[in-house]
Amino acid sequence: MSFVVRFTPKSMSSEKYDQVIKQLEAAGAAAPKGRIFHVAFGPKEALRVSDIWDTQENFDRFGQVLMPIMQEIGVDPGAPEFIEVHNLIRGT
């Protein structure tokens, strides 16, 4: 069952977000298996992130790559919110 995971990390500036993305790209994890959608949004000094994932297993696998990168950059991801998807309509 697909789910939404929402992060409201402490101290996630757009600069730190961009650093995380660059390191994920370098690790070959910028487009991880099972992530259906990703969006970063909000004020440049306090970005939030929402993803849609196909399974918990794929999310957990990605977290093993993501969390050390975030720790290295100095971003506390906080406690994510998990929400079951009722319906998903893909755009064209």
PDB file of N, CA and C in Angstrom:
ATOM      1  N   MET A   1       0.848  -1.190   0.000  1.00  0.00           N
ATOM      2  CA  MET A   1       0.000   0.000   0.000  1.00  0.00           C
ATOM      3  C   MET A   1       0.885   1.242   0.000  1.00  0.00           C
ATOM      4  N   SER A   2       0.632   2.146  -0.919  1.00  0.00           N
ATOM      5  CA  SER A   2       1.391   3.392  -1.007  1.00  0.00           C
ATOM      6  C   SER A   2       1.114   4.276   0.195  1.00  0.00           C
ATOM      7  N   PHE A   3       2.093   5.126   0.506  1.00  0.00           N
ATOM      8  CA  PHE A   3       1.921   6.056   1.613  1.00  0.00           C
ATOM      9  C   PHE A   3       2.681   7.347   1.345  1.00  0.00           C
ATOM     10  N   VAL A   4       2.219   8.401   2.005  1.00  0.00           N
ATOM     11  CA  VAL A   4       2.882   9.701   1.977  1.00  0.00           C
ATOM     12  C   VAL A   4       3.728   9.789   3.234  1.00  0.00           C
ATOM     13  N   VAL A   5       4.927  10.286   3.077  1.00  0.00           N
ATOM     14  CA  VAL A   5       5.757  10.587   4.240  1.00  0.00           C
ATOM     15  C   VAL A   5       6.103  12.065   4.159  1.00  0.00           C
ATOM     16  N   ARG A   6       5.829  12.777   5.259  1.00  0.00           N
ATOM     17  CA  ARG A   6       6.081  14.222   5.302  1.00  0.00           C
ATOM     18  C   ARG A   6       7.122  14.513   6.370  1.00  0.00           C
ATOM     19  N   PHE A   7       8.103  15.289   5.976  1.00  0.00           N
ATOM     20  CA  PHE A   7       9.161  15.716   6.893  1.00  0.00           C
ATOM     21  C   PHE A   7       9.083  17.221   7.082  1.00  0.00           C
ATOM     22  N   THR A   8       9.234  17.649   8.312  1.00  0.00           N
ATOM     23  CA  THR A   8       9.392  19.064   8.634  1.00  0.00           C
ATOM     24  C   THR A   8      10.712  19.183   9.386  1.00  0.00           C
ATOM     25  N   PRO A   9      11.824  19.085   8.645  1.00  0.00           N
ATOM     26  CA  PRO A   9      13.123  19.049   9.302  1.00  0.00           C
ATOM     27  C   PRO A   9      13.491  20.379   9.932  1.00  0.00           C
ATOM     28  N   LYS A  10      14.226  20.276  11.012  1.00  0.00           N
ATOM     29  CA  LYS A  10      14.760  21.485  11.636  1.00  0.00           C
ATOM     30  C   LYS A  10      15.996  21.893  10.837  1.00  0.00           C
ATOM     31  N   SER A  11      16.117  23.143  10.557  1.00  0.00           N
ATOM     32  CA  SER A  11      17.290  23.731   9.893  1.00  0.00           C
ATOM     33  C   SER A  11      17.516  23.248   8.464  1.00  0.00           C
ATOM     34  N   MET A  12      16.451  22.977   7.729  1.00  0.00           N
ATOM     35  CA  MET A  12      16.602  22.559   6.327  1.00  0.00           C
ATOM     36  C   MET A  12      16.446  23.774   5.420  1.00  0.00           C
ATOM     37  N   SER A  13      17.555  24.419   5.151  1.00  0.00           N
ATOM     38  CA  SER A  13      17.542  25.542   4.216  1.00  0.00           C
ATOM     39  C   SER A  13      17.600  25.001   2.790  1.00  0.00           C
ATOM     40  N   SER A  14      17.312  25.861   1.831  1.00  0.00           N
ATOM     41  CA  SER A  14      17.399  25.431   0.432  1.00  0.00           C
ATOM     42  C   SER A  14      18.841  25.067   0.083  1.00  0.00           C
ATOM     43  N   GLU A  15      19.801  25.738   0.692  1.00  0.00           N
ATOM     44  CA  GLU A  15      21.214  25.425   0.454  1.00  0.00           C
ATOM     45  C   GLU A  15      21.547  24.012   0.954  1.00  0.00           C
ATOM     46  N   LYS A  16      21.102  23.677   2.161  1.00  0.00           N
ATOM     47  CA  LYS A  16      21.360  22.340   2.703  1.00  0.00           C
ATOM     48  C   LYS A  16      20.604  21.278   1.904  1.00  0.00           C
ATOM     49  N   TYR A  17      19.395  21.588   1.498  1.00  0.00           N
ATOM     50  CA  TYR A  17      18.627  20.651   0.666  1.00  0.00           C
ATOM     51  C   TYR A  17      19.391  20.342  -0.616  1.00  0.00           C
ATOM     52  N   ASP A  18      19.898  21.385  -1.265  1.00  0.00           N
ATOM     53  CA  ASP A  18      20.641  21.192  -2.513  1.00  0.00           C
ATOM     54  C   ASP A  18      21.893  20.340  -2.281  1.00  0.00           C
ATOM     55  N   GLN A  19      22.541  20.505  -1.125  1.00  0.00           N
ATOM     56  CA  GLN A  19      23.707  19.679  -0.781  1.00  0.00           C
ATOM     57  C   GLN A  19      23.297  18.211  -0.627  1.00  0.00           C
ATOM     58  N   VAL A  20      22.172  17.981   0.032  1.00  0.00           N
ATOM     59  CA  VAL A  20      21.679  16.612   0.198  1.00  0.00           C
ATOM     60  C   VAL A  20      21.427  15.979  -1.167  1.00  0.00           C
ATOM     61  N   ILE A  21      20.765  16.704  -2.055  1.00  0.00           N
ATOM     62  CA  ILE A  21      20.459  16.179  -3.390  1.00  0.00           C
ATOM     63  C   ILE A  21      21.747  15.846  -4.153  1.00  0.00           C
ATOM     64  N   LYS A  22      22.749  16.726  -4.084  1.00  0.00           N
ATOM     65  CA  LYS A  22      24.016  16.465  -4.768  1.00  0.00           C
ATOM     66  C   LYS A  22      24.681  15.203  -4.237  1.00  0.00           C
ATOM     67  N   GLN A  23      24.638  15.004  -2.929  1.00  0.00           N
ATOM     68  CA  GLN A  23      25.260  13.810  -2.353  1.00  0.00           C
ATOM     69  C   GLN A  23      24.461  12.550  -2.691  1.00  0.00           C
ATOM     70  N   LEU A  24      23.140  12.671  -2.745  1.00  0.00           N
ATOM     71  CA  LEU A  24      22.334  11.525  -3.168  1.00  0.00           C
ATOM     72  C   LEU A  24      22.649  11.156  -4.614  1.00  0.00           C
ATOM     73  N   GLU A  25      22.805  12.166  -5.471  1.00  0.00           N
ATOM     74  CA  GLU A  25      23.171  11.909  -6.867  1.00  0.00           C
ATOM     75  C   GLU A  25      24.515  11.204  -6.939  1.00  0.00           C
ATOM     76  N   ALA A  26      25.490  11.670  -6.156  1.00  0.00           N
ATOM     77  CA  ALA A  26      26.827  11.068  -6.146  1.00  0.00           C
ATOM     78  C   ALA A  26      26.783   9.621  -5.651  1.00  0.00           C
ATOM     79  N   ALA A  27      25.833   9.325  -4.757  1.00  0.00           N
ATOM     80  CA  ALA A  27      25.686   7.972  -4.213  1.00  0.00           C
ATOM     81  C   ALA A  27      24.819   7.080  -5.103  1.00  0.00           C
ATOM     82  N   GLY A  28      24.308   7.639  -6.205  1.00  0.00           N
ATOM     83  CA  GLY A  28      23.448   6.879  -7.100  1.00  0.00           C
ATOM     84  C   GLY A  28      22.056   6.655  -6.551  1.00  0.00           C
ATOM     85  N   ALA A  29      21.627   7.538  -5.629  1.00  0.00           N
ATOM     86  CA  ALA A  29      20.334   7.362  -4.961  1.00  0.00           C
ATOM     87  C   ALA A  29      19.393   8.552  -5.152  1.00  0.00           C
ATOM     88  N   ALA A  30      19.583   9.320  -6.211  1.00  0.00           N
ATOM     89  CA  ALA A  30      18.733  10.491  -6.432  1.00  0.00           C
ATOM     90  C   ALA A  30      17.320  10.120  -6.870  1.00  0.00           C
ATOM     91  N   ALA A  31      17.182   8.973  -7.525  1.00  0.00           N
ATOM     92  CA  ALA A  31      15.871   8.487  -7.974  1.00  0.00           C
ATOM     93  C   ALA A  31      15.694   7.065  -7.445  1.00  0.00           C
ATOM     94  N   PRO A  32      15.445   6.924  -6.148  1.00  0.00           N
ATOM     95  CA  PRO A  32      15.422   5.593  -5.542  1.00  0.00           C
ATOM     96  C   PRO A  32      14.225   4.755  -5.979  1.00  0.00           C
ATOM     97  N   LYS A  33      14.463   3.447  -6.000  1.00  0.00           N
ATOM     98  CA  LYS A  33      13.407   2.494  -6.323  1.00  0.00           C
ATOM     99  C   LYS A  33      12.248   2.666  -5.342  1.00  0.00           C
ATOM    100  N   GLY A  34      11.044   2.787  -5.880  1.00  0.00           N
ATOM    101  CA  GLY A  34       9.856   2.834  -5.047  1.00  0.00           C
ATOM    102  C   GLY A  34       9.345   4.216  -4.702  1.00  0.00           C
ATOM    103  N   ARG A  35      10.166   5.251  -4.916  1.00  0.00           N
ATOM    104  CA  ARG A  35       9.657   6.601  -4.646  1.00  0.00           C
ATOM    105  C   ARG A  35       8.865   7.054  -5.859  1.00  0.00           C
ATOM    106  N   ILE A  36       7.598   7.320  -5.657  1.00  0.00           N
ATOM    107  CA  ILE A  36       6.683   7.681  -6.733  1.00  0.00           C
ATOM    108  C   ILE A  36       6.719   9.179  -7.005  1.00  0.00           C
ATOM    109  N   PHE A  37       6.888   9.974  -5.951  1.00  0.00           N
ATOM    110  CA  PHE A  37       6.818  11.432  -6.079  1.00  0.00           C
ATOM    111  C   PHE A  37       7.627  12.062  -4.960  1.00  0.00           C
ATOM    112  N   HIS A  38       8.273  13.184  -5.260  1.00  0.00           N
ATOM    113  CA  HIS A  38       9.042  13.935  -4.265  1.00  0.00           C
ATOM    114  C   HIS A  38       8.814  15.416  -4.497  1.00  0.00           C
ATOM    115  N   VAL A  39       8.626  16.155  -3.416  1.00  0.00           N
ATOM    116  CA  VAL A  39       8.511  17.603  -3.512  1.00  0.00           C
ATOM    117  C   VAL A  39       9.132  18.238  -2.262  1.00  0.00           C
ATOM    118  N   ALA A  40       9.892  19.308  -2.496  1.00  0.00           N
ATOM    119  CA  ALA A  40      10.423  20.139  -1.406  1.00  0.00           C
ATOM    120  C   ALA A  40       9.765  21.501  -1.570  1.00  0.00           C
ATOM    121  N   PHE A  41       9.294  22.071  -0.475  1.00  0.00           N
ATOM    122  CA  PHE A  41       8.520  23.306  -0.575  1.00  0.00           C
ATOM    123  C   PHE A  41       8.638  24.121   0.704  1.00  0.00           C
ATOM    124  N   GLY A  42       8.238  25.377   0.613  1.00  0.00           N
ATOM    125  CA  GLY A  42       8.213  26.251   1.776  1.00  0.00           C
ATOM    126  C   GLY A  42       9.263  27.345   1.690  1.00  0.00           C
ATOM    127  N   PRO A  43       9.396  28.106   2.775  1.00  0.00           N
ATOM    128  CA  PRO A  43      10.385  29.193   2.813  1.00  0.00           C
ATOM    129  C   PRO A  43      11.807  28.658   2.641  1.00  0.00           C
ATOM    130  N   LYS A  44      12.670  29.425   2.014  1.00  0.00           N
ATOM    131  CA  LYS A  44      14.036  28.980   1.719  1.00  0.00           C
ATOM    132  C   LYS A  44      14.848  28.615   2.960  1.00  0.00           C
ATOM    133  N   GLU A  45      14.497  29.128   4.089  1.00  0.00           N
ATOM    134  CA  GLU A  45      15.222  28.806   5.323  1.00  0.00           C
ATOM    135  C   GLU A  45      14.530  27.721   6.143  1.00  0.00           C
ATOM    136  N   ALA A  46      13.409  27.215   5.658  1.00  0.00           N
ATOM    137  CA  ALA A  46      12.670  26.187   6.418  1.00  0.00           C
ATOM    138  C   ALA A  46      11.892  25.286   5.455  1.00  0.00           C
ATOM    139  N   LEU A  47      12.623  24.609   4.576  1.00  0.00           N
ATOM    140  CA  LEU A  47      11.963  23.732   3.610  1.00  0.00           C
ATOM    141  C   LEU A  47      11.334  22.527   4.291  1.00  0.00           C
ATOM    142  N   ARG A  48      10.260  22.063   3.704  1.00  0.00           N
ATOM    143  CA  ARG A  48       9.610  20.813   4.099  1.00  0.00           C
ATOM    144  C   ARG A  48       9.657  19.875   2.904  1.00  0.00           C
ATOM    145  N   VAL A  49       9.501  18.595   3.171  1.00  0.00           N
ATOM    146  CA  VAL A  49       9.592  17.589   2.113  1.00  0.00           C
ATOM    147  C   VAL A  49       8.440  16.608   2.252  1.00  0.00           C
ATOM    148  N   SER A  50       7.836  16.270   1.117  1.00  0.00           N
ATOM    149  CA  SER A  50       6.827  15.210   1.066  1.00  0.00           C
ATOM    150  C   SER A  50       7.194  14.247  -0.051  1.00  0.00           C
ATOM    151  N   ASP A  51       7.062  12.971   0.242  1.00  0.00           N
ATOM    152  CA  ASP A  51       7.291  11.914  -0.742  1.00  0.00           C
ATOM    153  C   ASP A  51       6.090  10.989  -0.755  1.00  0.00           C
ATOM    154  N   ILE A  52       5.894  10.309  -1.868  1.00  0.00           N
ATOM    155  CA  ILE A  52       4.964   9.188  -1.930  1.00  0.00           C
ATOM    156  C   ILE A  52       5.804   7.959  -2.266  1.00  0.00           C
ATOM    157  N   TRP A  53       5.635   6.906  -1.472  1.00  0.00           N
ATOM    158  CA  TRP A  53       6.401   5.669  -1.620  1.00  0.00           C
ATOM    159  C   TRP A  53       5.468   4.500  -1.861  1.00  0.00           C
ATOM    160  N   ASP A  54       5.987   3.506  -2.578  1.00  0.00           N
ATOM    161  CA  ASP A  54       5.178   2.321  -2.853  1.00  0.00           C
ATOM    162  C   ASP A  54       5.163   1.347  -1.685  1.00  0.00           C
ATOM    163  N   THR A  55       6.293   1.176  -0.986  1.00  0.00           N
ATOM    164  CA  THR A  55       6.358   0.245   0.144  1.00  0.00           C
ATOM    165  C   THR A  55       7.253   0.802   1.246  1.00  0.00           C
ATOM    166  N   GLN A  56       7.013   0.340   2.437  1.00  0.00           N
ATOM    167  CA  GLN A  56       7.856   0.709   3.573  1.00  0.00           C
ATOM    168  C   GLN A  56       9.279   0.185   3.372  1.00  0.00           C
ATOM    169  N   GLU A  57       9.397  -0.990   2.800  1.00  0.00           N
ATOM    170  CA  GLU A  57      10.708  -1.593   2.565  1.00  0.00           C
ATOM    171  C   GLU A  57      11.586  -0.699   1.684  1.00  0.00           C
ATOM    172  N   ASN A  58      11.037  -0.173   0.591  1.00  0.00           N
ATOM    173  CA  ASN A  58      11.806   0.710  -0.288  1.00  0.00           C
ATOM    174  C   ASN A  58      12.150   2.023   0.412  1.00  0.00           C
ATOM    175  N   PHE A  59      11.222   2.560   1.180  1.00  0.00           N
ATOM    176  CA  PHE A  59      11.498   3.775   1.951  1.00  0.00           C
ATOM    177  C   PHE A  59      12.631   3.536   2.946  1.00  0.00           C
ATOM    178  N   ASP A  60      12.568   2.432   3.672  1.00  0.00           N
ATOM    179  CA  ASP A  60      13.601   2.115   4.662  1.00  0.00           C
ATOM    180  C   ASP A  60      14.968   1.940   3.998  1.00  0.00           C
ATOM    181  N   ARG A  61      15.013   1.303   2.847  1.00  0.00           N
ATOM    182  CA  ARG A  61      16.269   1.109   2.116  1.00  0.00           C
ATOM    183  C   ARG A  61      16.875   2.459   1.737  1.00  0.00           C
ATOM    184  N   PHE A  62      16.044   3.368   1.252  1.00  0.00           N
ATOM    185  CA  PHE A  62      16.513   4.712   0.898  1.00  0.00           C
ATOM    186  C   PHE A  62      17.003   5.453   2.140  1.00  0.00           C
ATOM    187  N   GLY A  63      16.309   5.282   3.253  1.00  0.00           N
ATOM    188  CA  GLY A  63      16.709   5.940   4.501  1.00  0.00           C
ATOM    189  C   GLY A  63      18.107   5.564   4.945  1.00  0.00           C
ATOM    190  N   GLN A  64      18.550   4.360   4.609  1.00  0.00           N
ATOM    191  CA  GLN A  64      19.901   3.924   4.974  1.00  0.00           C
ATOM    192  C   GLN A  64      20.972   4.738   4.243  1.00  0.00           C
ATOM    193  N   VAL A  65      20.623   5.292   3.097  1.00  0.00           N
ATOM    194  CA  VAL A  65      21.533   6.167   2.352  1.00  0.00           C
ATOM    195  C   VAL A  65      21.327   7.621   2.775  1.00  0.00           C
ATOM    196  N   LEU A  66      20.073   8.024   2.912  1.00  0.00           N
ATOM    197  CA  LEU A  66      19.739   9.423   3.187  1.00  0.00           C
ATOM    198  C   LEU A  66      20.171   9.894   4.573  1.00  0.00           C
ATOM    199  N   MET A  67      19.901   9.111   5.588  1.00  0.00           N
ATOM    200  CA  MET A  67      20.124   9.584   6.962  1.00  0.00           C
ATOM    201  C   MET A  67      21.589   9.937   7.252  1.00  0.00           C
ATOM    202  N   PRO A  68      22.568   9.132   6.845  1.00  0.00           N
ATOM    203  CA  PRO A  68      23.956   9.545   7.076  1.00  0.00           C
ATOM    204  C   PRO A  68      24.320  10.843   6.348  1.00  0.00           C
ATOM    205  N   ILE A  69      23.760  11.044   5.166  1.00  0.00           N
ATOM    206  CA  ILE A  69      24.020  12.281   4.421  1.00  0.00           C
ATOM    207  C   ILE A  69      23.445  13.469   5.177  1.00  0.00           C
ATOM    208  N   MET A  70      22.218  13.341   5.654  1.00  0.00           N
ATOM    209  CA  MET A  70      21.601  14.447   6.389  1.00  0.00           C
ATOM    210  C   MET A  70      22.364  14.741   7.671  1.00  0.00           C
ATOM    211  N   GLN A  71      22.815  13.703   8.346  1.00  0.00           N
ATOM    212  CA  GLN A  71      23.586  13.892   9.575  1.00  0.00           C
ATOM    213  C   GLN A  71      24.887  14.631   9.268  1.00  0.00           C
ATOM    214  N   GLU A  72      25.559  14.238   8.199  1.00  0.00           N
ATOM    215  CA  GLU A  72      26.819  14.884   7.806  1.00  0.00           C
ATOM    216  C   GLU A  72      26.613  16.366   7.514  1.00  0.00           C
ATOM    217  N   ILE A  73      25.504  16.704   6.884  1.00  0.00           N
ATOM    218  CA  ILE A  73      25.230  18.095   6.517  1.00  0.00           C
ATOM    219  C   ILE A  73      24.694  18.893   7.709  1.00  0.00           C
ATOM    220  N   GLY A  74      24.231  18.205   8.735  1.00  0.00           N
ATOM    221  CA  GLY A  74      23.751  18.889   9.930  1.00  0.00           C
ATOM    222  C   GLY A  74      22.269  19.189   9.917  1.00  0.00           C
ATOM    223  N   VAL A  75      21.494  18.311   9.297  1.00  0.00           N
ATOM    224  CA  VAL A  75      20.043  18.490   9.250  1.00  0.00           C
ATOM    225  C   VAL A  75      19.379  17.426  10.113  1.00  0.00           C
ATOM    226  N   ASP A  76      18.571  17.871  11.054  1.00  0.00           N
ATOM    227  CA  ASP A  76      17.763  16.966  11.868  1.00  0.00           C
ATOM    228  C   ASP A  76      16.439  16.782  11.151  1.00  0.00           C
ATOM    229  N   PRO A  77      16.149  15.570  10.653  1.00  0.00           N
ATOM    230  CA  PRO A  77      14.925  15.375   9.882  1.00  0.00           C
ATOM    231  C   PRO A  77      13.659  15.449  10.724  1.00  0.00           C
ATOM    232  N   GLY A  78      13.791  15.375  12.044  1.00  0.00           N
ATOM    233  CA  GLY A  78      12.609  15.345  12.889  1.00  0.00           C
ATOM    234  C   GLY A  78      11.870  14.031  12.718  1.00  0.00           C
ATOM    235  N   ALA A  79      10.696  13.953  13.281  1.00  0.00           N
ATOM    236  CA  ALA A  79       9.885  12.736  13.187  1.00  0.00           C
ATOM    237  C   ALA A  79       8.991  12.829  11.955  1.00  0.00           C
ATOM    238  N   PRO A  80       9.128  11.897  11.021  1.00  0.00           N
ATOM    239  CA  PRO A  80       8.275  11.954   9.835  1.00  0.00           C
ATOM    240  C   PRO A  80       6.834  11.574  10.160  1.00  0.00           C
ATOM    241  N   GLU A  81       5.941  12.096   9.362  1.00  0.00           N
ATOM    242  CA  GLU A  81       4.523  11.749   9.467  1.00  0.00           C
ATOM    243  C   GLU A  81       4.204  10.794   8.319  1.00  0.00           C
ATOM    244  N   PHE A  82       3.608   9.658   8.635  1.00  0.00           N
ATOM    245  CA  PHE A  82       3.238   8.660   7.635  1.00  0.00           C
ATOM    246  C   PHE A  82       1.725   8.652   7.473  1.00  0.00           C
ATOM    247  N   ILE A  83       1.270   8.724   6.211  1.00  0.00           N
ATOM    248  CA  ILE A  83      -0.152   8.792   5.918  1.00  0.00           C
ATOM    249  C   ILE A  83      -0.458   7.818   4.784  1.00  0.00           C
ATOM    250  N   GLU A  84      -1.367   6.898   4.999  1.00  0.00           N
ATOM    251  CA  GLU A  84      -1.739   5.932   3.965  1.00  0.00           C
ATOM    252  C   GLU A  84      -2.429   6.649   2.804  1.00  0.00           C
ATOM    253  N   VAL A  85      -2.090   6.249   1.589  1.00  0.00           N
ATOM    254  CA  VAL A  85      -2.694   6.828   0.393  1.00  0.00           C
ATOM    255  C   VAL A  85      -4.036   6.142   0.135  1.00  0.00           C
ATOM    256  N   HIS A  86      -5.069   6.939  -0.055  1.00  0.00           N
ATOM    257  CA  HIS A  86      -6.382   6.406  -0.403  1.00  0.00           C
ATOM    258  C   HIS A  86      -6.500   6.215  -1.909  1.00  0.00           C
ATOM    259  N   ASN A  87      -5.960   7.187  -2.682  1.00  0.00           N
ATOM    260  CA  ASN A  87      -6.045   7.134  -4.130  1.00  0.00           C
ATOM    261  C   ASN A  87      -4.868   7.890  -4.703  1.00  0.00           C
ATOM    262  N   LEU A  88      -4.356   7.417  -5.815  1.00  0.00           N
ATOM    263  CA  LEU A  88      -3.233   8.053  -6.479  1.00  0.00           C
ATOM    264  C   LEU A  88      -3.547   8.138  -7.978  1.00  0.00           C
ATOM    265  N   ILE A  89      -3.566   9.349  -8.501  1.00  0.00           N
ATOM    266  CA  ILE A  89      -3.816   9.571  -9.918  1.00  0.00           C
ATOM    267  C   ILE A  89      -2.550  10.175 -10.515  1.00  0.00           C
ATOM    268  N   ARG A  90      -1.967   9.472 -11.455  1.00  0.00           N
ATOM    269  CA  ARG A  90      -0.741   9.943 -12.073  1.00  0.00           C
ATOM    270  C   ARG A  90      -1.067  10.893 -13.213  1.00  0.00           C
ATOM    271  N   GLY A  91      -0.287  11.956 -13.320  1.00  0.00           N
ATOM    272  CA  GLY A  91      -0.455  12.899 -14.409  1.00  0.00           C
ATOM    273  C   GLY A  91       0.216  12.398 -15.674  1.00  0.00           C
ATOM    274  N   THR A  92       0.059  13.149 -16.734  1.00  0.00           N
ATOM    275  CA  THR A  92       0.661  12.749 -18.000  1.00  0.00           C
ATOM    276  C   THR A  92       1.976  13.435 -18.225  1.00  0.00           C
TER     277      THR A  92
END
